[in-house]
């Protein structure tokens, strides 16, 4: 084995540091986000960070798919239902994903491509007869979408071994993660999925790299946890293992005082509570999966969201209101499209075909929920005309009625105690008036951690910028102004 350095340690030194840890060493869980897994250099860099982290004690790593892979798998599954060129497009996408994973594998010393090749053979077998059957069944689509994590786990485990620390990839099936609920927005049955004793013992010997994003129900079918579901897997595993810490590694240094894509002056927020994170999720923040923290309520697990170098936002169940922090959050106008199952002709194949046409037209579809009785998804309001046009061009997809539920643009302030602060409420109203925004009366949430108002889409961005400037002004610390 080559002598790879990790923080000044050779491989042999590293093994002496971590092999056979003391029972008193705290167990940690690290989640590696897909945004960190973009190209060849990323896995070795992350493996070095994991090797350093492993020196502190036993470690479970939960991994997401490589960046963009889940989206590509979903599109391939949808193309399989399209007539004409659908089969060729699906095959082209799978071939491209295989080339990408082999390319990444080549960056890891002493790694062969067998795990990648084996998984892609299984993936192609799922697609083999999909076109002839009019598409993949719902359970097959869920299984296809789980392959991003199935592919990422053995690659990251190999990179960790190349960094001088023993590691092994395990999937949700081996870990006994029992999924319940709808197959595309499910959850874990925490009481019904204790980690096998053999795996608990193995964590004392090596890093285990677990697939995130999905569990398996009693019928052996994949249950997905929704986008960002690897966060939820990591939170649940932290609870099941009674971990002392949970680190969610992202490509951002944690939560910011506003969405930096909309507000360039946004700054880092060092500390947030569970209720604040929940409020931010309701207002559209995507930093953390909505259910990630729920399994950790009442537990002493330390939670950090941020970069792999230790920088990030600490998340605590409760925090002192006197340590003021405010985040300006907002959600642009969205439309929820709902089709009742009786209006969809042809069952699951036609649902896939409809979704494929939406992707073909570059409609930004999110939060898809498919049940026996309905198909429901969210889109930006600006894309609604595209949906109507697609349904007009393909009348076989739906009968006459199309139900649209509008969710207007919102802006709000989030922070412990802001709902009880009349000064902040007044400032929010003054900012809206200053930019000519006609917002609804300011609403206060029951927890006291949120102020919010509804306004027009045209006023959304100017209001975000104005409110952030009014609250934070120059370069001072994040907090109540």
Protein backbone atom coordinates (compact mmCIF):
# COMPACT_ATOMS: atom_id res chain seq x y z
CA UNK A 1 0.00 0.00 0.00
CA UNK A 2 1.27 3.46 -0.81
CA UNK A 3 2.00 5.81 2.04
CA UNK A 4 -0.72 8.45 1.74
CA UNK A 5 -0.43 11.32 4.18
CA UNK A 6 -3.41 12.38 6.28
CA UNK A 7 -2.68 15.41 8.46
CA UNK A 8 0.99 14.42 8.65
CA UNK A 9 0.27 10.73 9.38
CA UNK A 10 1.34 7.80 7.23
CA UNK A 11 -1.11 4.95 6.60
CA UNK A 12 0.46 2.88 9.38
CA UNK A 13 0.29 5.80 11.81
CA UNK A 14 -3.34 6.34 10.92
CA UNK A 15 -4.22 2.69 11.51
CA UNK A 16 -2.57 2.85 14.94
CA UNK A 17 -4.66 5.89 15.79
CA UNK A 18 -8.05 4.46 14.88
CA UNK A 19 -7.88 0.64 15.05
CA UNK A 20 -9.51 -0.77 18.18
CA UNK A 21 -10.89 2.49 19.64
CA UNK A 22 -11.69 2.78 23.30
CA UNK A 23 -15.34 2.04 24.13
CA UNK A 24 -15.46 5.54 25.55
CA UNK A 25 -14.69 7.16 22.20
CA UNK A 26 -17.83 8.91 20.94
CA UNK A 27 -19.47 7.62 17.79
CA UNK A 28 -20.12 10.17 15.08
CA UNK A 29 -22.25 10.29 11.93
CA UNK A 30 -21.18 12.27 8.87
CA UNK A 31 -23.40 12.89 5.88
CA UNK A 32 -21.64 13.69 2.60
CA UNK A 33 -23.87 15.74 0.29
CA UNK A 34 -24.05 15.20 -3.44
CA UNK A 35 -23.07 18.81 -4.11
CA UNK A 36 -19.58 17.85 -2.82
CA UNK A 37 -19.33 14.93 -5.26
CA UNK A 38 -18.97 16.54 -8.65
CA UNK A 39 -15.76 15.30 -10.27
CA UNK A 40 -12.66 13.12 -9.91
CA UNK A 41 -10.75 15.17 -7.27
CA UNK A 42 -13.72 15.31 -4.90
CA UNK A 43 -13.71 11.74 -3.56
CA UNK A 44 -9.99 11.69 -2.56
CA UNK A 45 -10.37 15.12 -0.91
CA UNK A 46 -13.42 14.02 1.06
CA UNK A 47 -11.79 10.69 1.93
CA UNK A 48 -8.87 12.58 3.50
CA UNK A 49 -11.31 14.64 5.57
CA UNK A 50 -13.14 11.47 6.67
CA UNK A 51 -9.83 9.81 7.59
CA UNK A 52 -8.96 12.76 9.83
CA UNK A 53 -12.42 12.69 11.36
CA UNK A 54 -12.12 8.93 12.03
CA UNK A 55 -9.15 9.55 14.31
CA UNK A 56 -11.65 11.03 16.81
CA UNK A 57 -13.66 7.81 17.13
CA UNK A 58 -15.97 5.35 15.34
CA UNK A 59 -17.68 6.83 12.31
CA UNK A 60 -20.69 6.09 10.11
CA UNK A 61 -20.77 7.97 6.81
CA UNK A 62 -24.06 8.47 4.97
CA UNK A 63 -23.53 9.34 1.32
CA UNK A 64 -25.69 10.97 -1.34
CA UNK A 65 -25.52 10.29 -5.07
CA UNK A 66 -22.95 12.15 -7.14
CA UNK A 67 -24.15 15.63 -8.05
CA UNK A 68 -26.99 15.52 -10.60
CA UNK A 69 -27.18 11.72 -10.81
CA UNK A 70 -30.60 11.31 -9.15
CA UNK A 71 -32.10 13.85 -11.56
CA UNK A 72 -30.56 11.99 -14.50
CA UNK A 73 -31.88 8.64 -13.28
CA UNK A 74 -35.36 10.09 -12.87
CA UNK A 75 -35.29 11.51 -16.40
CA UNK A 76 -34.08 8.19 -17.80
CA UNK A 77 -36.96 6.39 -16.08
CA UNK A 78 -39.42 8.91 -17.50
CA UNK A 79 -37.99 8.68 -21.03
CA UNK A 80 -38.55 4.92 -20.93
CA UNK A 81 -42.28 5.64 -21.12
CA UNK A 82 -42.02 7.95 -24.14
CA UNK A 83 -42.96 6.61 -27.56
CA UNK A 84 -40.51 6.94 -30.43
CA UNK A 85 -37.09 8.05 -29.29
CA UNK A 86 -37.72 7.50 -25.55
CA UNK A 87 -35.92 4.15 -25.36
CA UNK A 88 -32.81 5.51 -27.11
CA UNK A 89 -32.71 8.60 -24.88
CA UNK A 90 -32.99 6.52 -21.72
CA UNK A 91 -30.15 4.25 -22.90
CA UNK A 92 -28.02 7.27 -23.80
CA UNK A 93 -28.44 8.73 -20.32
CA UNK A 94 -27.55 5.43 -18.61
CA UNK A 95 -24.45 5.09 -20.81
CA UNK A 96 -23.38 8.61 -19.88
CA UNK A 97 -23.83 7.92 -16.18
CA UNK A 98 -21.75 4.75 -16.44
CA UNK A 99 -18.91 6.61 -18.19
CA UNK A 100 -19.00 9.29 -15.47
CA UNK A 101 -18.80 6.78 -12.61
CA UNK A 102 -15.97 4.85 -14.25
CA UNK A 103 -14.16 8.17 -14.79
CA UNK A 104 -14.50 8.97 -11.07
CA UNK A 105 -13.39 5.44 -10.10
CA UNK A 106 -10.18 5.91 -12.08
CA UNK A 107 -9.15 8.65 -9.63
CA UNK A 108 -9.02 6.15 -6.74
CA UNK A 109 -5.80 4.08 -6.49
CA UNK A 110 -6.12 0.29 -6.63
CA UNK A 111 -9.81 0.50 -7.50
CA UNK A 112 -11.31 -1.73 -10.16
CA UNK A 113 -14.58 -0.97 -11.90
CA UNK A 114 -16.40 -4.16 -10.87
CA UNK A 115 -18.88 -2.57 -8.43
CA UNK A 116 -19.78 0.08 -11.01
CA UNK A 117 -20.14 -2.45 -13.83
CA UNK A 118 -22.23 -4.82 -11.69
CA UNK A 119 -24.65 -2.09 -10.61
CA UNK A 120 -25.10 -0.81 -14.15
CA UNK A 121 -25.91 -4.32 -15.37
CA UNK A 122 -28.64 -4.48 -12.73
CA UNK A 123 -29.84 -1.00 -13.71
CA UNK A 124 -30.06 -1.91 -17.40
CA UNK A 125 -32.00 -5.05 -16.53
CA UNK A 126 -34.68 -2.84 -14.97
CA UNK A 127 -34.96 -0.90 -18.24
CA UNK A 128 -34.79 -3.95 -20.53
CA UNK A 129 -38.51 -4.33 -21.13
CA UNK A 130 -39.77 -0.98 -19.85
CA UNK A 131 -40.38 0.47 -23.31
CA UNK A 132 -42.39 -2.55 -24.44
CA UNK A 133 -44.53 -2.33 -21.28
CA UNK A 134 -45.14 1.40 -21.69
CA UNK A 135 -42.72 2.42 -18.98
CA UNK A 136 -41.53 1.39 -15.54
CA UNK A 137 -43.90 0.59 -12.70
CA UNK A 138 -43.86 2.96 -9.73
CA UNK A 139 -41.83 0.55 -7.58
CA UNK A 140 -39.30 0.17 -10.40
CA UNK A 141 -38.92 3.94 -10.76
CA UNK A 142 -38.16 4.24 -7.03
CA UNK A 143 -35.56 1.47 -7.32
CA UNK A 144 -33.94 3.15 -10.33
CA UNK A 145 -33.64 6.42 -8.39
CA UNK A 146 -31.86 4.64 -5.51
CA UNK A 147 -28.95 3.69 -7.76
CA UNK A 148 -27.18 7.04 -7.33
CA UNK A 149 -26.49 6.23 -3.67
CA UNK A 150 -25.77 2.56 -4.44
CA UNK A 151 -23.05 3.70 -6.85
CA UNK A 152 -21.61 6.45 -4.65
CA UNK A 153 -21.19 4.33 -1.49
CA UNK A 154 -18.60 1.80 -2.85
CA UNK A 155 -16.68 4.58 -4.61
CA UNK A 156 -16.39 6.66 -1.43
CA UNK A 157 -15.50 3.57 0.64
CA UNK A 158 -12.69 2.76 -1.84
CA UNK A 159 -11.41 6.34 -1.61
CA UNK A 160 -11.35 6.14 2.21
CA UNK A 161 -9.35 2.90 2.02
CA UNK A 162 -6.94 4.61 -0.37
CA UNK A 163 -6.54 7.34 2.28
CA UNK A 164 -5.30 4.71 4.75
CA UNK A 165 -8.45 3.96 6.76
CA UNK A 166 -10.38 0.71 6.46
CA UNK A 167 -13.92 1.22 5.14
CA UNK A 168 -16.78 -0.79 3.71
CA UNK A 169 -19.91 0.20 1.81
CA UNK A 170 -23.28 -1.04 3.02
CA UNK A 171 -26.72 -0.41 1.56
CA UNK A 172 -30.02 0.31 3.27
CA UNK A 173 -31.07 -3.31 2.82
CA UNK A 174 -28.09 -4.64 4.80
CA UNK A 175 -28.60 -1.98 7.46
CA UNK A 176 -32.24 -3.06 7.84
CA UNK A 177 -33.68 0.41 7.22
CA UNK A 178 -37.44 -0.21 7.14
CA UNK A 179 -39.22 2.35 4.96
CA UNK A 180 -42.93 3.08 5.37
CA UNK A 181 -45.41 5.39 3.67
CA UNK A 182 -45.55 6.48 0.04
CA UNK A 183 -42.71 5.23 -2.11
CA UNK A 184 -41.57 8.70 -3.20
CA UNK A 185 -42.08 10.63 0.07
CA UNK A 186 -41.73 7.93 2.72
CA UNK A 187 -40.07 7.82 6.11
CA UNK A 188 -38.28 5.35 8.36
CA UNK A 189 -39.98 3.12 10.91
CA UNK A 190 -37.43 3.90 13.60
CA UNK A 191 -38.90 1.38 16.03
CA UNK A 192 -38.72 -1.34 13.39
CA UNK A 193 -35.17 -0.91 12.11
CA UNK A 194 -32.51 -1.30 14.81
CA UNK A 195 -29.07 -1.53 13.24
CA UNK A 196 -27.91 -5.18 13.30
CA UNK A 197 -25.53 -5.96 16.16
CA UNK A 198 -22.85 -7.15 13.72
CA UNK A 199 -22.78 -3.74 12.04
CA UNK A 200 -22.63 -1.93 15.38
CA UNK A 201 -19.60 -4.02 16.26
CA UNK A 202 -18.05 -3.45 12.85
CA UNK A 203 -18.18 0.31 13.39
CA UNK A 204 -15.48 -0.20 16.02
CA UNK A 205 -13.23 -1.69 13.35
CA UNK A 206 -13.81 0.35 10.21
CA UNK A 207 -15.77 3.22 8.68
CA UNK A 208 -19.09 2.09 7.26
CA UNK A 209 -20.39 4.05 4.26
CA UNK A 210 -24.19 3.80 4.08
CA UNK A 211 -26.48 4.67 1.19
CA UNK A 212 -28.77 7.57 2.04
CA UNK A 213 -32.09 8.63 0.51
CA UNK A 214 -34.06 5.39 0.75
CA UNK A 215 -35.29 2.48 2.84
CA UNK A 216 -37.03 -0.78 1.97
CA UNK A 217 -40.58 -1.77 2.93
CA UNK A 218 -41.84 -5.18 4.04
CA UNK A 219 -42.33 -6.24 0.41
CA UNK A 220 -38.70 -5.47 -0.41
CA UNK A 221 -39.65 -2.38 -2.43
CA UNK A 222 -37.63 0.82 -2.29
CA UNK A 223 -39.19 3.74 -0.36
CA UNK A 224 -37.61 7.11 -1.13
CA UNK A 225 -37.42 9.89 1.47
CA UNK A 226 -37.72 12.77 -0.99
CA UNK A 227 -35.04 15.10 -2.30
CA UNK A 228 -32.37 15.71 0.30
CA UNK A 229 -33.45 12.45 1.94
CA UNK A 230 -29.86 11.49 2.80
CA UNK A 231 -30.02 14.23 5.46
CA UNK A 232 -32.98 12.39 6.96
CA UNK A 233 -31.16 9.04 6.80
CA UNK A 234 -28.24 10.60 8.67
CA UNK A 235 -30.51 12.09 11.33
CA UNK A 236 -32.30 8.78 11.81
CA UNK A 237 -29.05 6.80 12.02
CA UNK A 238 -27.71 9.28 14.59
CA UNK A 239 -30.76 8.54 16.73
CA UNK A 240 -30.58 4.76 16.22
CA UNK A 241 -26.88 4.67 17.09
CA UNK A 242 -27.19 7.24 19.90
CA UNK A 243 -24.40 9.14 18.18
CA UNK A 244 -22.70 11.96 20.03
CA UNK A 245 -22.48 14.12 16.90
CA UNK A 246 -24.01 14.54 13.47
CA UNK A 247 -22.17 16.52 10.79
CA UNK A 248 -23.95 17.30 7.56
CA UNK A 249 -21.27 18.25 5.03
CA UNK A 250 -22.46 20.62 2.30
CA UNK A 251 -20.87 22.95 -0.23
CA UNK A 252 -21.91 25.98 1.85
CA UNK A 253 -20.71 27.03 5.34
CA UNK A 254 -24.10 26.34 6.88
CA UNK A 255 -27.16 28.56 7.02
CA UNK A 256 -26.97 32.12 5.76
CA UNK A 257 -28.88 35.26 6.71
CA UNK A 258 -30.67 35.02 3.35
CA UNK A 259 -30.42 32.97 0.17
CA UNK A 260 -27.05 34.14 -1.24
CA UNK A 261 -28.29 33.49 -4.78
CA UNK A 262 -30.83 36.27 -4.28
CA UNK A 263 -29.01 38.39 -1.68
CA UNK A 264 -25.25 38.60 -2.38
CA UNK A 265 -24.66 40.36 0.98
CA UNK A 266 -25.96 37.34 2.92
CA UNK A 267 -23.70 36.25 5.75
CA UNK A 268 -23.09 33.15 7.80
CA UNK A 269 -25.33 32.31 10.79
CA UNK A 270 -23.42 30.47 13.57
CA UNK A 271 -26.32 29.06 15.63
CA UNK A 272 -29.95 28.06 15.01
CA UNK A 273 -32.58 26.08 16.87
CA UNK A 274 -34.72 23.20 15.60
CA UNK A 275 -37.78 25.48 15.43
CA UNK A 276 -35.88 28.11 13.45
CA UNK A 277 -34.69 25.51 10.94
CA UNK A 278 -38.27 24.23 10.64
CA UNK A 279 -39.56 27.74 9.97
CA UNK A 280 -36.90 28.29 7.32
CA UNK A 281 -37.99 25.09 5.61
CA UNK A 282 -41.59 26.32 5.50
CA UNK A 283 -40.35 29.50 3.84
CA UNK A 284 -38.50 27.61 1.13
CA UNK A 285 -34.98 27.11 2.50
CA UNK A 286 -33.42 23.93 1.07
CA UNK A 287 -30.28 23.67 3.22
CA UNK A 288 -31.65 20.75 5.26
CA UNK A 289 -34.26 18.05 4.68
CA UNK A 290 -37.46 18.92 6.52
CA UNK A 291 -37.45 15.71 8.63
CA UNK A 292 -33.72 15.45 9.35
CA UNK A 293 -33.90 16.77 12.92
CA UNK A 294 -37.12 15.09 14.04
CA UNK A 295 -35.49 11.79 15.20
CA UNK A 296 -33.05 13.82 17.33
CA UNK A 297 -35.56 15.62 19.51
CA UNK A 298 -34.83 15.02 23.17
CA UNK A 299 -31.34 13.64 22.42
CA UNK A 300 -27.97 15.19 23.27
CA UNK A 301 -26.56 14.74 19.74
CA UNK A 302 -24.52 17.75 18.58
CA UNK A 303 -25.53 18.81 15.06
CA UNK A 304 -23.49 20.89 12.63
CA UNK A 305 -24.37 21.82 9.05
CA UNK A 306 -21.57 23.16 6.88
CA UNK A 307 -18.22 22.44 5.28
CA UNK A 308 -16.06 19.38 5.87
CA UNK A 309 -13.31 21.49 7.46
CA UNK A 310 -15.31 22.17 10.64
CA UNK A 311 -16.93 25.46 9.67
CA UNK A 312 -20.69 25.48 9.86
CA UNK A 313 -23.90 26.32 11.68
CA UNK A 314 -24.55 24.59 14.98
CA UNK A 315 -28.14 23.35 15.36
CA UNK A 316 -29.53 22.93 18.89
CA UNK A 317 -32.99 21.87 20.00
CA UNK A 318 -33.48 25.04 22.03
CA UNK A 319 -31.41 28.15 22.41
CA UNK A 320 -31.43 31.29 24.49
CA UNK A 321 -33.56 33.97 22.86
CA UNK A 322 -31.16 36.60 24.12
CA UNK A 323 -28.58 35.32 21.64
CA UNK A 324 -30.43 36.99 18.79
CA UNK A 325 -30.18 35.80 15.21
CA UNK A 326 -32.46 36.69 12.34
CA UNK A 327 -32.70 35.09 8.92
CA UNK A 328 -34.55 36.74 6.05
CA UNK A 329 -36.29 34.02 4.06
CA UNK A 330 -38.70 33.95 1.18
CA UNK A 331 -40.48 31.73 -1.29
CA UNK A 332 -41.37 32.81 -4.81
CA UNK A 333 -44.83 32.17 -6.23
CA UNK A 334 -45.55 28.48 -6.81
CA UNK A 335 -48.41 26.57 -8.40
CA UNK A 336 -49.50 23.15 -7.23
CA UNK A 337 -50.92 21.03 -10.05
CA UNK A 338 -53.22 18.16 -9.09
CA UNK A 339 -54.70 15.49 -11.34
CA UNK A 340 -57.01 12.93 -9.83
CA UNK A 341 -56.15 9.35 -10.72
CA UNK A 342 -59.48 8.86 -12.54
CA UNK A 343 -58.44 11.68 -14.89
CA UNK A 344 -55.15 9.98 -15.83
CA UNK A 345 -55.57 7.56 -18.68
CA UNK A 346 -53.37 4.46 -18.78
CA UNK A 347 -52.15 4.21 -15.19
CA UNK A 348 -48.52 4.55 -14.11
CA UNK A 349 -47.10 4.44 -17.65
CA UNK A 350 -49.13 7.52 -18.63
CA UNK A 351 -48.05 9.29 -15.44
CA UNK A 352 -44.42 8.70 -16.43
CA UNK A 353 -45.12 9.87 -19.96
CA UNK A 354 -46.70 13.07 -18.66
CA UNK A 355 -43.74 13.75 -16.37
CA UNK A 356 -41.35 13.03 -19.25
CA UNK A 357 -43.09 15.62 -21.43
CA UNK A 358 -42.78 18.13 -18.58
CA UNK A 359 -39.04 17.47 -18.31
CA UNK A 360 -38.71 17.71 -22.11
CA UNK A 361 -40.28 21.18 -21.93
CA UNK A 362 -37.90 22.15 -19.07
CA UNK A 363 -40.72 22.63 -16.59
CA UNK A 364 -39.17 22.79 -13.11
CA UNK A 365 -41.19 20.04 -11.43
CA UNK A 366 -40.78 19.54 -7.68
CA UNK A 367 -42.41 17.73 -4.78
CA UNK A 368 -44.04 15.04 -6.92
CA UNK A 369 -46.53 12.96 -4.94
CA UNK A 370 -48.29 10.08 -6.64
CA UNK A 371 -50.99 8.09 -4.86
CA UNK A 372 -53.73 5.74 -5.97
CA UNK A 373 -56.11 8.68 -6.19
CA UNK A 374 -54.03 11.59 -7.47
CA UNK A 375 -50.87 12.97 -8.99
CA UNK A 376 -49.64 16.21 -7.45
CA UNK A 377 -46.55 18.34 -8.12
CA UNK A 378 -45.27 21.89 -7.64
CA UNK A 379 -43.94 24.20 -10.34
CA UNK A 380 -42.94 27.87 -10.51
CA UNK A 381 -46.06 29.85 -11.35
CA UNK A 382 -44.29 31.16 -14.47
CA UNK A 383 -44.22 27.60 -15.87
CA UNK A 384 -47.96 27.05 -15.53
CA UNK A 385 -48.62 28.02 -19.15
CA UNK A 386 -46.22 25.25 -20.25
CA UNK A 387 -48.15 22.66 -18.25
CA UNK A 388 -51.43 23.78 -19.78
CA UNK A 389 -49.91 23.62 -23.26
CA UNK A 390 -48.52 20.11 -22.68
CA UNK A 391 -51.91 18.86 -21.54
CA UNK A 392 -53.53 20.51 -24.54
CA UNK A 393 -51.06 18.82 -26.94
CA UNK A 394 -51.42 15.45 -25.23
CA UNK A 395 -55.10 15.18 -24.32
CA UNK A 396 -54.75 11.46 -23.64
CA UNK A 397 -52.93 12.34 -20.43
CA UNK A 398 -55.87 13.90 -18.64
CA UNK A 399 -59.55 14.57 -18.94
CA UNK A 400 -61.09 18.00 -18.82
CA UNK A 401 -60.51 19.20 -15.26
CA UNK A 402 -57.12 20.48 -14.09
CA UNK A 403 -56.90 21.65 -10.48
CA UNK A 404 -54.44 24.46 -9.76
CA UNK A 405 -53.63 25.64 -6.24
CA UNK A 406 -51.64 28.87 -6.11
CA UNK A 407 -49.09 29.44 -3.37
CA UNK A 408 -48.23 33.15 -3.42
CA UNK A 409 -44.80 34.62 -2.89
CA UNK A 410 -43.87 35.06 0.76
CA UNK A 411 -41.18 36.82 2.73
CA UNK A 412 -40.46 36.47 6.41
CA UNK A 413 -38.10 36.90 9.33
CA UNK A 414 -37.06 33.80 11.26
CA UNK A 415 -35.44 33.77 14.69
CA UNK A 416 -36.24 32.89 18.29
CA UNK A 417 -38.47 35.63 19.63
CA UNK A 418 -38.92 37.62 16.42
CA UNK A 419 -42.65 36.94 16.48
CA UNK A 420 -42.83 38.79 19.80
CA UNK A 421 -40.70 41.75 18.66
CA UNK A 422 -42.93 44.61 17.52
CA UNK A 423 -39.90 46.57 16.34
CA UNK A 424 -39.02 43.90 13.79
CA UNK A 425 -42.63 43.64 12.65
CA UNK A 426 -42.76 47.41 12.12
CA UNK A 427 -39.44 47.35 10.29
CA UNK A 428 -40.67 44.62 7.96
CA UNK A 429 -43.77 46.69 7.12
CA UNK A 430 -41.72 49.85 6.54
CA UNK A 431 -39.37 47.99 4.18
CA UNK A 432 -42.26 46.66 2.13
CA UNK A 433 -43.73 50.15 1.85
CA UNK A 434 -40.35 51.59 0.85
CA UNK A 435 -40.13 49.34 -2.23
CA UNK A 436 -43.81 49.80 -3.05
CA UNK A 437 -44.73 46.22 -2.12
CA UNK A 438 -48.34 45.59 -1.17
CA UNK A 439 -47.97 42.81 1.37
CA UNK A 440 -50.68 41.16 3.42
CA UNK A 441 -50.84 41.86 7.16
CA UNK A 442 -47.79 40.42 8.94
CA UNK A 443 -48.53 37.02 10.49
CA UNK A 444 -46.84 35.66 13.63
CA UNK A 445 -46.37 31.92 14.06
CA UNK A 446 -47.37 30.18 17.28
CA UNK A 447 -43.78 29.39 18.29
CA UNK A 448 -42.75 33.05 18.22
CA UNK A 449 -39.89 32.19 15.82
CA UNK A 450 -41.39 33.62 12.65
CA UNK A 451 -42.92 36.69 11.03
CA UNK A 452 -44.22 36.35 7.48
CA UNK A 453 -46.23 38.20 4.88
CA UNK A 454 -47.61 37.44 1.43
CA UNK A 455 -46.76 39.73 -1.48
CA UNK A 456 -46.70 39.78 -5.27
CA UNK A 457 -44.08 37.91 -7.27
CA UNK A 458 -42.78 41.16 -8.79
CA UNK A 459 -42.17 42.59 -5.32
CA UNK A 460 -40.49 39.45 -3.95
CA UNK A 461 -36.82 40.08 -4.82
CA UNK A 462 -36.80 43.85 -4.14
CA UNK A 463 -38.41 43.17 -0.76
CA UNK A 464 -35.85 40.49 0.13
CA UNK A 465 -32.96 42.85 -0.65
CA UNK A 466 -34.53 45.79 1.19
CA UNK A 467 -35.41 43.83 4.32
CA UNK A 468 -31.96 42.23 4.54
CA UNK A 469 -30.28 45.62 4.19
CA UNK A 470 -32.54 47.14 6.84
CA UNK A 471 -31.91 44.31 9.33
CA UNK A 472 -28.18 43.88 8.83
CA UNK A 473 -26.95 47.12 7.27
CA UNK A 474 -23.15 47.05 7.07
CA UNK A 475 -20.83 44.22 8.07
CA UNK A 476 -21.87 43.66 11.68
CA UNK A 477 -22.63 40.30 13.25
CA UNK A 478 -25.83 38.45 12.49
CA UNK A 479 -28.44 39.37 15.05
CA UNK A 480 -31.29 41.63 16.00
CA UNK A 481 -30.76 45.10 14.65
